[in-house]
């Protein structure tokens, strides 16, 4: 395995983890801020956002020398955070908080530990052969 494919695998792992964490946090926020009373249908809520967040549709693909996460969101998903629409704190807070505060930090500071964990034996074997 070459260095580029190891880096790509690491970034893929971190991006998958980050995406799962974002959707889990958004689902939890939607549950407590929108759906907590259990009367979704009576309030005119369709449950589309909840359904999407519980089983999000996204893919991760290579783009040039990097990776790209492509997600399909309900059209109104971004608007639930706006004050005029209830300020539900479902979208932005969790998306940017998770990706920039946690996932980016993991990418910056955990690469060496990840390589040791996933490729430590291979690296030791390689060093012992020389």
Protein backbone atom coordinates (compact mmCIF):
# COMPACT_ATOMS: atom_id res chain seq x y z
CA UNK A 1 0.00 0.00 0.00
CA UNK A 2 1.38 3.41 -0.90
CA UNK A 3 1.23 6.60 1.20
CA UNK A 4 -1.50 8.20 -0.93
CA UNK A 5 -3.90 5.25 -0.53
CA UNK A 6 -3.26 5.16 3.23
CA UNK A 7 -4.10 8.87 3.49
CA UNK A 8 -7.20 8.38 1.36
CA UNK A 9 -8.35 5.52 3.58
CA UNK A 10 -7.79 7.65 6.68
CA UNK A 11 -9.73 10.61 5.29
CA UNK A 12 -12.53 8.30 4.17
CA UNK A 13 -12.76 6.82 7.67
CA UNK A 14 -12.84 10.27 9.27
CA UNK A 15 -15.41 11.61 6.81
CA UNK A 16 -17.70 8.61 7.31
CA UNK A 17 -17.46 8.99 11.09
CA UNK A 18 -18.08 12.73 10.87
CA UNK A 19 -21.11 12.31 8.61
CA UNK A 20 -22.65 9.68 10.88
CA UNK A 21 -22.08 11.89 13.92
CA UNK A 22 -23.62 14.93 12.18
CA UNK A 23 -26.76 13.04 11.20
CA UNK A 24 -27.09 11.46 14.64
CA UNK A 25 -26.81 14.86 16.33
CA UNK A 26 -29.26 16.42 13.90
CA UNK A 27 -31.74 13.59 14.49
CA UNK A 28 -31.42 14.04 18.25
CA UNK A 29 -31.92 17.82 17.94
CA UNK A 30 -34.94 17.36 15.67
CA UNK A 31 -36.42 14.85 18.09
CA UNK A 32 -36.08 17.16 21.07
CA UNK A 33 -36.78 20.48 19.32
CA UNK A 34 -39.48 19.53 16.81
CA UNK A 35 -41.00 16.12 17.51
CA UNK A 36 -40.85 15.93 21.30
CA UNK A 37 -44.58 16.27 21.94
CA UNK A 38 -45.54 13.19 19.91
CA UNK A 39 -48.26 15.03 17.98
CA UNK A 40 -46.40 15.36 14.69
CA UNK A 41 -49.40 14.85 12.45
CA UNK A 42 -51.68 17.13 14.46
CA UNK A 43 -49.24 20.01 14.05
CA UNK A 44 -49.02 19.44 10.30
CA UNK A 45 -45.59 17.88 10.42
CA UNK A 46 -45.02 15.21 7.81
CA UNK A 47 -42.05 13.53 9.48
CA UNK A 48 -39.95 13.80 6.31
CA UNK A 49 -37.08 15.47 8.16
CA UNK A 50 -37.13 12.85 10.91
CA UNK A 51 -37.23 10.04 8.36
CA UNK A 52 -34.30 11.54 6.46
CA UNK A 53 -32.16 12.07 9.56
CA UNK A 54 -32.82 8.56 10.86
CA UNK A 55 -31.65 7.02 7.58
CA UNK A 56 -29.71 9.69 5.69
CA UNK A 57 -28.91 9.32 2.03
CA UNK A 58 -25.34 10.30 1.26
CA UNK A 59 -22.32 9.05 -0.61
CA UNK A 60 -18.61 9.67 -0.45
CA UNK A 61 -16.68 9.74 -3.71
CA UNK A 62 -13.19 10.56 -4.82
CA UNK A 63 -12.85 14.01 -6.36
CA UNK A 64 -9.45 14.70 -7.88
CA UNK A 65 -6.94 13.80 -5.20
CA UNK A 66 -9.46 14.16 -2.37
CA UNK A 67 -12.89 13.06 -1.22
CA UNK A 68 -16.32 14.59 -1.56
CA UNK A 69 -19.40 13.94 0.56
CA UNK A 70 -22.67 14.30 -1.36
CA UNK A 71 -25.88 14.38 0.67
CA UNK A 72 -29.51 14.73 -0.37
CA UNK A 73 -31.35 16.94 2.10
CA UNK A 74 -35.05 17.73 2.40
CA UNK A 75 -35.61 21.09 0.68
CA UNK A 76 -36.75 22.85 3.84
CA UNK A 77 -34.03 21.38 6.09
CA UNK A 78 -31.94 24.54 6.18
CA UNK A 79 -34.91 26.71 7.08
CA UNK A 80 -35.78 25.04 10.39
CA UNK A 81 -32.88 26.92 12.00
CA UNK A 82 -34.17 30.34 10.96
CA UNK A 83 -35.78 32.42 13.67
CA UNK A 84 -38.86 33.04 11.50
CA UNK A 85 -39.36 29.28 11.19
CA UNK A 86 -38.88 28.40 14.85
CA UNK A 87 -35.10 28.47 15.33
CA UNK A 88 -35.00 24.69 15.90
CA UNK A 89 -31.17 24.35 15.99
CA UNK A 90 -31.16 21.24 13.81
CA UNK A 91 -28.94 22.04 10.85
CA UNK A 92 -26.08 24.55 11.11
CA UNK A 93 -25.07 24.11 14.72
CA UNK A 94 -24.48 20.38 14.34
CA UNK A 95 -23.14 20.37 10.80
CA UNK A 96 -20.46 22.98 11.31
CA UNK A 97 -19.83 22.12 14.95
CA UNK A 98 -19.12 18.48 14.16
CA UNK A 99 -17.17 18.96 10.96
CA UNK A 100 -15.04 21.93 11.95
CA UNK A 101 -14.66 21.48 15.67
CA UNK A 102 -14.34 17.70 15.88
CA UNK A 103 -13.75 15.99 12.53
CA UNK A 104 -11.17 18.54 11.39
CA UNK A 105 -9.35 18.25 14.73
CA UNK A 106 -9.33 14.46 14.43
CA UNK A 107 -7.88 14.72 10.93
CA UNK A 108 -5.20 17.13 12.09
CA UNK A 109 -4.05 15.33 15.23
CA UNK A 110 -4.91 11.64 15.01
CA UNK A 111 -3.33 10.51 11.74
CA UNK A 112 -0.17 9.14 13.34
CA UNK A 113 -2.14 7.13 15.93
CA UNK A 114 -4.48 5.82 13.23
CA UNK A 115 -1.55 4.67 11.08
CA UNK A 116 0.05 2.95 14.11
CA UNK A 117 -3.23 1.21 14.93
CA UNK A 118 -4.06 0.08 11.38
CA UNK A 119 -0.61 -0.43 9.89
CA UNK A 120 1.69 -0.79 12.89
CA UNK A 121 2.43 -4.49 12.39
CA UNK A 122 3.07 -4.03 8.68
CA UNK A 123 5.43 -1.13 9.34
CA UNK A 124 7.31 -3.06 12.04
CA UNK A 125 7.66 -6.07 9.73
CA UNK A 126 8.95 -3.82 6.96
CA UNK A 127 11.50 -2.18 9.27
CA UNK A 128 12.66 -5.55 10.62
CA UNK A 129 13.28 -6.90 7.09
CA UNK A 130 15.76 -4.14 6.27
